[in-house]
Amino acid sequence: MAKRQKPESQASRHLITKMNPRSPISEQYRTIRTNLQFASVDGELKTMLVTSAGPAEGKSSTVANLALVFAQQEKKVLLVDADLRKPTVHYTFRIDNRIGLSSVLVGDMVLAEATTKSEESTLDILPSGPIPPNPSELLGSKAMQKLIHEASEYYDIVIFDTPPVLAVTDAQILANEVDGTLLVVRSKKTDKELAIKAKELLEPAKSKLLGAVLNDKEHSKGDYYYYSH
């Protein structure tokens, strides 16, 4: 699965699937959505996380637009910013980040109180909330397991944006609690050996490694779709 995309600094602020839903890039996000549904044919995909090998590989723009195309399918979607170190979802959707995931995990409020409605009627956002001193411990806590269970009972699909897998252990921890994991890599930027290392770190997790999204793949005129495993 692959798509042509702007650098992360621009693309993470640009919800192409909302602003230009008929563009080739938006169609490729829908292709990724379809591929994910086929990848989980043997079991329902209710919860998934999106991560990358390293920073600036298009992870956050991918997860935001992916959440939108699922919502455009009239599914009830919750997008969770589980990057409790360098969160970006609140910037992308221009929402308040004073409360969010960390607020729920420490018991300050319940899930329903911390979520924010997006302009897409079936898409809710749970921003990161205040950055805690112990992100890995919170993501591996029983409170996180409870949140995932509660969210999956109410929403059709819950998508987590997590930090790069080679930087910290957060994505590996959360991969043990969700149904599937999607790895984002960038053409001509992500080192092949680092991508392989990221894959190897994710494979032992309880969740299924669903595949990879390849960003910035050069294509010939008239070609829009690229697939990778």
C-alpha atoms as a PDB file:
ATOM      1  CA  MET A   1       0.000   0.000   0.000  1.00  0.00           C
ATOM      2  CA  ALA A   2       1.522   3.333  -0.964  1.00  0.00           C
ATOM      3  CA  LYS A   3       0.763   6.895  -1.819  1.00  0.00           C
ATOM      4  CA  ARG A   4       2.353  10.118  -2.969  1.00  0.00           C
ATOM      5  CA  GLN A   5       2.281  12.641  -0.165  1.00  0.00           C
ATOM      6  CA  LYS A   6       3.735  15.968   0.972  1.00  0.00           C
ATOM      7  CA  PRO A   7       6.395  16.090   3.689  1.00  0.00           C
ATOM      8  CA  GLU A   8       5.046  15.469   7.198  1.00  0.00           C
ATOM      9  CA  SER A   9       5.359  19.105   8.314  1.00  0.00           C
ATOM     10  CA  GLN A  10       2.836  20.097   5.644  1.00  0.00           C
ATOM     11  CA  ALA A  11       0.756  16.973   5.273  1.00  0.00           C
ATOM     12  CA  SER A  12       0.007  16.549   8.970  1.00  0.00           C
ATOM     13  CA  ARG A  13      -1.858  19.859   8.810  1.00  0.00           C
ATOM     14  CA  HIS A  14      -3.629  19.000   5.544  1.00  0.00           C
ATOM     15  CA  LEU A  15      -6.568  16.621   5.645  1.00  0.00           C
ATOM     16  CA  ILE A  16      -6.592  15.846   1.936  1.00  0.00           C
ATOM     17  CA  THR A  17      -9.442  13.333   2.253  1.00  0.00           C
ATOM     18  CA  LYS A  18     -11.620  16.117   3.648  1.00  0.00           C
ATOM     19  CA  MET A  19     -10.445  19.024   1.498  1.00  0.00           C
ATOM     20  CA  ASN A  20     -10.244  17.118  -1.788  1.00  0.00           C
ATOM     21  CA  PRO A  21     -11.977  13.731  -1.454  1.00  0.00           C
ATOM     22  CA  ARG A  22     -11.869  13.080  -5.216  1.00  0.00           C
ATOM     23  CA  SER A  23      -8.110  13.499  -5.571  1.00  0.00           C
ATOM     24  CA  PRO A  24      -5.869  10.532  -6.461  1.00  0.00           C
ATOM     25  CA  ILE A  25      -4.283  10.729  -3.008  1.00  0.00           C
ATOM     26  CA  SER A  26      -7.685  10.478  -1.317  1.00  0.00           C
ATOM     27  CA  GLU A  27      -8.484   7.486  -3.489  1.00  0.00           C
ATOM     28  CA  GLN A  28      -5.283   5.841  -2.319  1.00  0.00           C
ATOM     29  CA  TYR A  29      -6.330   6.297   1.307  1.00  0.00           C
ATOM     30  CA  ARG A  30      -9.555   4.516   0.426  1.00  0.00           C
ATOM     31  CA  THR A  31      -7.471   1.759  -1.165  1.00  0.00           C
ATOM     32  CA  ILE A  32      -5.540   1.415   2.096  1.00  0.00           C
ATOM     33  CA  ARG A  33      -8.861   1.203   3.954  1.00  0.00           C
ATOM     34  CA  THR A  34     -10.010  -1.591   1.644  1.00  0.00           C
ATOM     35  CA  ASN A  35      -6.706  -3.442   1.982  1.00  0.00           C
ATOM     36  CA  LEU A  36      -6.975  -3.273   5.770  1.00  0.00           C
ATOM     37  CA  GLN A  37     -10.445  -4.752   5.632  1.00  0.00           C
ATOM     38  CA  PHE A  38      -9.183  -7.620   3.474  1.00  0.00           C
ATOM     39  CA  ALA A  39      -6.144  -8.110   5.728  1.00  0.00           C
ATOM     40  CA  SER A  40      -8.443  -8.709   8.691  1.00  0.00           C
ATOM     41  CA  VAL A  41     -10.876 -11.023   6.885  1.00  0.00           C
ATOM     42  CA  ASP A  42     -10.211 -13.836   9.393  1.00  0.00           C
ATOM     43  CA  GLY A  43     -11.047 -11.612  12.363  1.00  0.00           C
ATOM     44  CA  GLU A  44     -12.819  -8.315  12.942  1.00  0.00           C
ATOM     45  CA  LEU A  45     -10.526  -5.295  12.997  1.00  0.00           C
ATOM     46  CA  LYS A  46     -11.871  -3.144  15.815  1.00  0.00           C
ATOM     47  CA  THR A  47      -8.681  -1.594  17.152  1.00  0.00           C
ATOM     48  CA  MET A  48      -5.455  -0.775  15.338  1.00  0.00           C
ATOM     49  CA  LEU A  49      -2.383   1.379  15.718  1.00  0.00           C
ATOM     50  CA  VAL A  50      -0.301   3.253  13.179  1.00  0.00           C
ATOM     51  CA  THR A  51       3.403   3.697  13.776  1.00  0.00           C
ATOM     52  CA  SER A  52       6.608   4.320  11.810  1.00  0.00           C
ATOM     53  CA  ALA A  53      10.235   3.299  12.033  1.00  0.00           C
ATOM     54  CA  GLY A  54      11.440   6.830  12.731  1.00  0.00           C
ATOM     55  CA  PRO A  55      10.221  10.438  12.741  1.00  0.00           C
ATOM     56  CA  ALA A  56       8.984  12.470   9.741  1.00  0.00           C
ATOM     57  CA  GLU A  57       7.824   9.474   7.714  1.00  0.00           C
ATOM     58  CA  GLY A  58       4.194  10.566   7.278  1.00  0.00           C
ATOM     59  CA  LYS A  59       2.682   8.615  10.165  1.00  0.00           C
ATOM     60  CA  SER A  60       0.461  11.298  11.640  1.00  0.00           C
ATOM     61  CA  SER A  61      -0.943  12.509   8.323  1.00  0.00           C
ATOM     62  CA  THR A  62      -1.583   8.891   7.349  1.00  0.00           C
ATOM     63  CA  VAL A  63      -3.464   8.075  10.541  1.00  0.00           C
ATOM     64  CA  ALA A  64      -5.577  11.259  10.361  1.00  0.00           C
ATOM     65  CA  ASN A  65      -6.653  10.717   6.769  1.00  0.00           C
ATOM     66  CA  LEU A  66      -7.197   7.020   7.363  1.00  0.00           C
ATOM     67  CA  ALA A  67      -9.547   7.827  10.244  1.00  0.00           C
ATOM     68  CA  LEU A  68     -11.439  10.197   7.951  1.00  0.00           C
ATOM     69  CA  VAL A  69     -11.950   7.667   5.150  1.00  0.00           C
ATOM     70  CA  PHE A  70     -13.268   5.115   7.634  1.00  0.00           C
ATOM     71  CA  ALA A  71     -15.669   7.772   8.958  1.00  0.00           C
ATOM     72  CA  GLN A  72     -16.719   8.647   5.401  1.00  0.00           C
ATOM     73  CA  GLN A  73     -17.790   5.013   5.139  1.00  0.00           C
ATOM     74  CA  GLU A  74     -20.293   5.892   7.901  1.00  0.00           C
ATOM     75  CA  LYS A  75     -18.441   3.901  10.512  1.00  0.00           C
ATOM     76  CA  LYS A  76     -18.218   5.256  14.053  1.00  0.00           C
ATOM     77  CA  VAL A  77     -14.512   6.016  14.413  1.00  0.00           C
ATOM     78  CA  LEU A  78     -12.373   7.104  17.354  1.00  0.00           C
ATOM     79  CA  LEU A  79      -8.925   8.517  16.578  1.00  0.00           C
ATOM     80  CA  VAL A  80      -6.688   8.400  19.650  1.00  0.00           C
ATOM     81  CA  ASP A  81      -3.447  10.355  19.917  1.00  0.00           C
ATOM     82  CA  ALA A  82      -1.383   7.827  21.854  1.00  0.00           C
ATOM     83  CA  ASP A  83       1.836   9.723  21.200  1.00  0.00           C
ATOM     84  CA  LEU A  84       2.189  11.002  24.744  1.00  0.00           C
ATOM     85  CA  ARG A  85       5.587  12.502  23.939  1.00  0.00           C
ATOM     86  CA  LYS A  86       5.133  14.613  20.791  1.00  0.00           C
ATOM     87  CA  PRO A  87       1.387  14.690  20.054  1.00  0.00           C
ATOM     88  CA  THR A  88       0.129  16.161  16.768  1.00  0.00           C
ATOM     89  CA  VAL A  89      -3.516  15.129  16.354  1.00  0.00           C
ATOM     90  CA  HIS A  90      -4.817  18.246  18.121  1.00  0.00           C
ATOM     91  CA  TYR A  91      -2.862  20.405  15.664  1.00  0.00           C
ATOM     92  CA  THR A  92      -4.149  18.472  12.673  1.00  0.00           C
ATOM     93  CA  PHE A  93      -7.791  18.796  13.718  1.00  0.00           C
ATOM     94  CA  ARG A  94      -7.368  22.144  15.486  1.00  0.00           C
ATOM     95  CA  ILE A  95      -8.841  21.060  18.801  1.00  0.00           C
ATOM     96  CA  ASP A  96      -8.054  21.713  22.464  1.00  0.00           C
ATOM     97  CA  ASN A  97      -5.443  19.443  24.028  1.00  0.00           C
ATOM     98  CA  ARG A  98      -5.846  20.399  27.667  1.00  0.00           C
ATOM     99  CA  ILE A  99      -7.704  17.137  28.297  1.00  0.00           C
ATOM    100  CA  GLY A 100      -7.391  13.825  26.523  1.00  0.00           C
ATOM    101  CA  LEU A 101      -5.961  10.306  26.754  1.00  0.00           C
ATOM    102  CA  SER A 102      -3.663  10.991  29.682  1.00  0.00           C
ATOM    103  CA  SER A 103      -6.575  12.560  31.592  1.00  0.00           C
ATOM    104  CA  VAL A 104      -8.574   9.343  31.226  1.00  0.00           C
ATOM    105  CA  LEU A 105      -5.664   7.048  32.088  1.00  0.00           C
ATOM    106  CA  VAL A 106      -4.897   8.842  35.370  1.00  0.00           C
ATOM    107  CA  GLY A 107      -8.574   8.843  36.315  1.00  0.00           C
ATOM    108  CA  ASP A 108      -9.322  12.551  36.023  1.00  0.00           C
ATOM    109  CA  MET A 109     -12.282  11.916  33.695  1.00  0.00           C
ATOM    110  CA  VAL A 110     -14.063   9.230  31.712  1.00  0.00           C
ATOM    111  CA  LEU A 111     -13.627   8.524  28.018  1.00  0.00           C
ATOM    112  CA  ALA A 112     -16.870  10.180  26.914  1.00  0.00           C
ATOM    113  CA  GLU A 113     -15.879  13.427  28.648  1.00  0.00           C
ATOM    114  CA  ALA A 114     -12.440  13.581  27.059  1.00  0.00           C
ATOM    115  CA  THR A 115     -13.396  13.001  23.411  1.00  0.00           C
ATOM    116  CA  THR A 116     -14.085  15.792  20.931  1.00  0.00           C
ATOM    117  CA  LYS A 117     -16.447  15.699  17.967  1.00  0.00           C
ATOM    118  CA  SER A 118     -14.825  16.401  14.614  1.00  0.00           C
ATOM    119  CA  GLU A 119     -16.458  18.090  11.645  1.00  0.00           C
ATOM    120  CA  GLU A 120     -16.985  14.592  10.222  1.00  0.00           C
ATOM    121  CA  SER A 121     -20.141  13.469  12.017  1.00  0.00           C
ATOM    122  CA  THR A 122     -19.011   9.903  12.752  1.00  0.00           C
ATOM    123  CA  LEU A 123     -15.421  10.722  13.743  1.00  0.00           C
ATOM    124  CA  ASP A 124     -14.509  11.484  17.368  1.00  0.00           C
ATOM    125  CA  ILE A 125     -11.047  12.567  18.485  1.00  0.00           C
ATOM    126  CA  LEU A 126      -9.276  11.740  21.729  1.00  0.00           C
ATOM    127  CA  PRO A 127      -6.207  14.014  21.860  1.00  0.00           C
ATOM    128  CA  SER A 128      -3.205  13.119  23.977  1.00  0.00           C
ATOM    129  CA  GLY A 129      -4.021  15.472  26.824  1.00  0.00           C
ATOM    130  CA  PRO A 130      -1.243  16.769  29.114  1.00  0.00           C
ATOM    131  CA  ILE A 131       2.107  15.073  28.479  1.00  0.00           C
ATOM    132  CA  PRO A 132       2.795  12.729  31.416  1.00  0.00           C
ATOM    133  CA  PRO A 133       6.193  11.841  32.917  1.00  0.00           C
ATOM    134  CA  ASN A 134       5.600   8.105  32.345  1.00  0.00           C
ATOM    135  CA  PRO A 135       4.072   7.505  28.865  1.00  0.00           C
ATOM    136  CA  SER A 136       5.132   3.852  28.519  1.00  0.00           C
ATOM    137  CA  GLU A 137       3.748   2.923  31.929  1.00  0.00           C
ATOM    138  CA  LEU A 138       0.406   4.575  31.171  1.00  0.00           C
ATOM    139  CA  LEU A 139       0.074   2.834  27.802  1.00  0.00           C
ATOM    140  CA  GLY A 140       0.802  -0.524  29.423  1.00  0.00           C
ATOM    141  CA  SER A 141      -1.546   0.010  32.346  1.00  0.00           C
ATOM    142  CA  LYS A 142      -4.835  -1.709  33.187  1.00  0.00           C
ATOM    143  CA  ALA A 143      -6.480   1.677  32.695  1.00  0.00           C
ATOM    144  CA  MET A 144      -5.382   1.563  29.041  1.00  0.00           C
ATOM    145  CA  GLN A 145      -6.773  -1.954  28.641  1.00  0.00           C
ATOM    146  CA  LYS A 146     -10.062  -0.722  30.098  1.00  0.00           C
ATOM    147  CA  LEU A 147     -10.136   2.264  27.727  1.00  0.00           C
ATOM    148  CA  ILE A 148      -9.518   0.053  24.681  1.00  0.00           C
ATOM    149  CA  HIS A 149     -12.290  -2.327  25.734  1.00  0.00           C
ATOM    150  CA  GLU A 150     -14.734   0.510  26.376  1.00  0.00           C
ATOM    151  CA  ALA A 151     -13.927   2.274  23.117  1.00  0.00           C
ATOM    152  CA  SER A 152     -14.218  -0.903  21.036  1.00  0.00           C
ATOM    153  CA  GLU A 153     -17.648  -1.555  22.544  1.00  0.00           C
ATOM    154  CA  TYR A 154     -18.948   1.822  21.358  1.00  0.00           C
ATOM    155  CA  TYR A 155     -17.010   2.516  18.136  1.00  0.00           C
ATOM    156  CA  ASP A 156     -16.767   0.470  14.935  1.00  0.00           C
ATOM    157  CA  ILE A 157     -13.037   1.101  14.767  1.00  0.00           C
ATOM    158  CA  VAL A 158     -10.511   2.734  17.111  1.00  0.00           C
ATOM    159  CA  ILE A 159      -7.241   3.970  15.573  1.00  0.00           C
ATOM    160  CA  PHE A 160      -4.187   4.882  17.662  1.00  0.00           C
ATOM    161  CA  ASP A 161      -1.411   7.230  16.557  1.00  0.00           C
ATOM    162  CA  THR A 162       1.754   6.096  18.361  1.00  0.00           C
ATOM    163  CA  PRO A 163       5.398   7.239  18.481  1.00  0.00           C
ATOM    164  CA  PRO A 164       7.989   5.731  16.089  1.00  0.00           C
ATOM    165  CA  VAL A 165       8.760   2.159  17.060  1.00  0.00           C
ATOM    166  CA  LEU A 166      12.551   2.567  17.011  1.00  0.00           C
ATOM    167  CA  ALA A 167      12.508   5.625  19.262  1.00  0.00           C
ATOM    168  CA  VAL A 168      10.603   4.283  22.288  1.00  0.00           C
ATOM    169  CA  THR A 169       8.751   1.135  23.349  1.00  0.00           C
ATOM    170  CA  ASP A 170       5.272   2.718  23.328  1.00  0.00           C
ATOM    171  CA  ALA A 171       4.134   1.231  20.008  1.00  0.00           C
ATOM    172  CA  GLN A 172       5.345  -2.249  20.991  1.00  0.00           C
ATOM    173  CA  ILE A 173       3.470  -2.037  24.282  1.00  0.00           C
ATOM    174  CA  LEU A 174       0.229  -0.951  22.646  1.00  0.00           C
ATOM    175  CA  ALA A 175       0.610  -3.514  19.842  1.00  0.00           C
ATOM    176  CA  ASN A 176      -0.062  -6.174  22.475  1.00  0.00           C
ATOM    177  CA  GLU A 177      -3.487  -4.692  23.172  1.00  0.00           C
ATOM    178  CA  VAL A 178      -4.932  -3.978  19.701  1.00  0.00           C
ATOM    179  CA  ASP A 179      -6.109  -6.132  16.806  1.00  0.00           C
ATOM    180  CA  GLY A 180      -3.627  -4.927  14.203  1.00  0.00           C
ATOM    181  CA  THR A 181      -0.636  -2.700  13.469  1.00  0.00           C
ATOM    182  CA  LEU A 182       0.193  -0.640  10.376  1.00  0.00           C
ATOM    183  CA  LEU A 183       3.762   0.504   9.690  1.00  0.00           C
ATOM    184  CA  VAL A 184       4.458   3.716   7.751  1.00  0.00           C
ATOM    185  CA  VAL A 185       7.739   4.176   5.846  1.00  0.00           C
ATOM    186  CA  ARG A 186       8.899   6.937   3.496  1.00  0.00           C
ATOM    187  CA  SER A 187      10.464   6.307   0.106  1.00  0.00           C
ATOM    188  CA  LYS A 188      14.095   7.439  -0.142  1.00  0.00           C
ATOM    189  CA  LYS A 189      14.122   8.441   3.543  1.00  0.00           C
ATOM    190  CA  THR A 190      13.495   5.362   5.664  1.00  0.00           C
ATOM    191  CA  ASP A 191      16.638   3.248   5.800  1.00  0.00           C
ATOM    192  CA  LYS A 192      15.876  -0.297   4.670  1.00  0.00           C
ATOM    193  CA  GLU A 193      17.644  -1.839   7.647  1.00  0.00           C
ATOM    194  CA  LEU A 194      15.714   0.374  10.053  1.00  0.00           C
ATOM    195  CA  ALA A 195      12.418  -0.592   8.411  1.00  0.00           C
ATOM    196  CA  ILE A 196      13.327  -4.270   8.806  1.00  0.00           C
ATOM    197  CA  LYS A 197      14.271  -3.659  12.448  1.00  0.00           C
ATOM    198  CA  ALA A 198      10.927  -1.948  13.087  1.00  0.00           C
ATOM    199  CA  LYS A 199       9.108  -4.887  11.505  1.00  0.00           C
ATOM    200  CA  GLU A 200      11.056  -7.347  13.658  1.00  0.00           C
ATOM    201  CA  LEU A 201      10.189  -5.410  16.824  1.00  0.00           C
ATOM    202  CA  LEU A 202       6.477  -5.428  15.979  1.00  0.00           C
ATOM    203  CA  GLU A 203       6.175  -9.056  14.872  1.00  0.00           C
ATOM    204  CA  PRO A 204       6.352 -10.628  18.368  1.00  0.00           C
ATOM    205  CA  ALA A 205       3.379  -8.531  19.533  1.00  0.00           C
ATOM    206  CA  LYS A 206       0.014 -10.174  20.041  1.00  0.00           C
ATOM    207  CA  SER A 207      -1.590  -8.012  17.354  1.00  0.00           C
ATOM    208  CA  LYS A 208      -1.292  -8.811  13.656  1.00  0.00           C
ATOM    209  CA  LEU A 209       1.168  -6.777  11.571  1.00  0.00           C
ATOM    210  CA  LEU A 210      -1.279  -5.781   8.850  1.00  0.00           C
ATOM    211  CA  GLY A 211       1.223  -4.333   6.387  1.00  0.00           C
ATOM    212  CA  ALA A 212       3.024  -1.140   5.451  1.00  0.00           C
ATOM    213  CA  VAL A 213       2.201   2.179   3.855  1.00  0.00           C
ATOM    214  CA  LEU A 214       4.919   3.525   1.563  1.00  0.00           C
ATOM    215  CA  ASN A 215       4.918   7.324   1.328  1.00  0.00           C
ATOM    216  CA  ASP A 216       6.359   9.480  -1.445  1.00  0.00           C
ATOM    217  CA  LYS A 217       6.738   6.672  -3.960  1.00  0.00           C
ATOM    218  CA  GLU A 218       7.603   8.122  -7.346  1.00  0.00           C
ATOM    219  CA  HIS A 219       5.167   7.008 -10.014  1.00  0.00           C
ATOM    220  CA  SER A 220       4.896   7.227 -13.757  1.00  0.00           C
ATOM    221  CA  LYS A 221       2.163   9.257 -15.399  1.00  0.00           C
ATOM    222  CA  GLY A 222      -1.214   7.615 -14.987  1.00  0.00           C
ATOM    223  CA  ASP A 223      -0.117   5.300 -12.172  1.00  0.00           C
ATOM    224  CA  TYR A 224      -1.665   5.941  -8.774  1.00  0.00           C
ATOM    225  CA  TYR A 225      -1.577   2.725  -6.813  1.00  0.00           C
ATOM    226  CA  TYR A 226       1.382   0.981  -5.232  1.00  0.00           C
ATOM    227  CA  TYR A 227       1.348  -1.983  -2.908  1.00  0.00           C
ATOM    228  CA  SER A 228       3.994  -3.276  -0.567  1.00  0.00           C
ATOM    229  CA  HIS A 229       4.201  -5.899   2.168  1.00  0.00           C
END
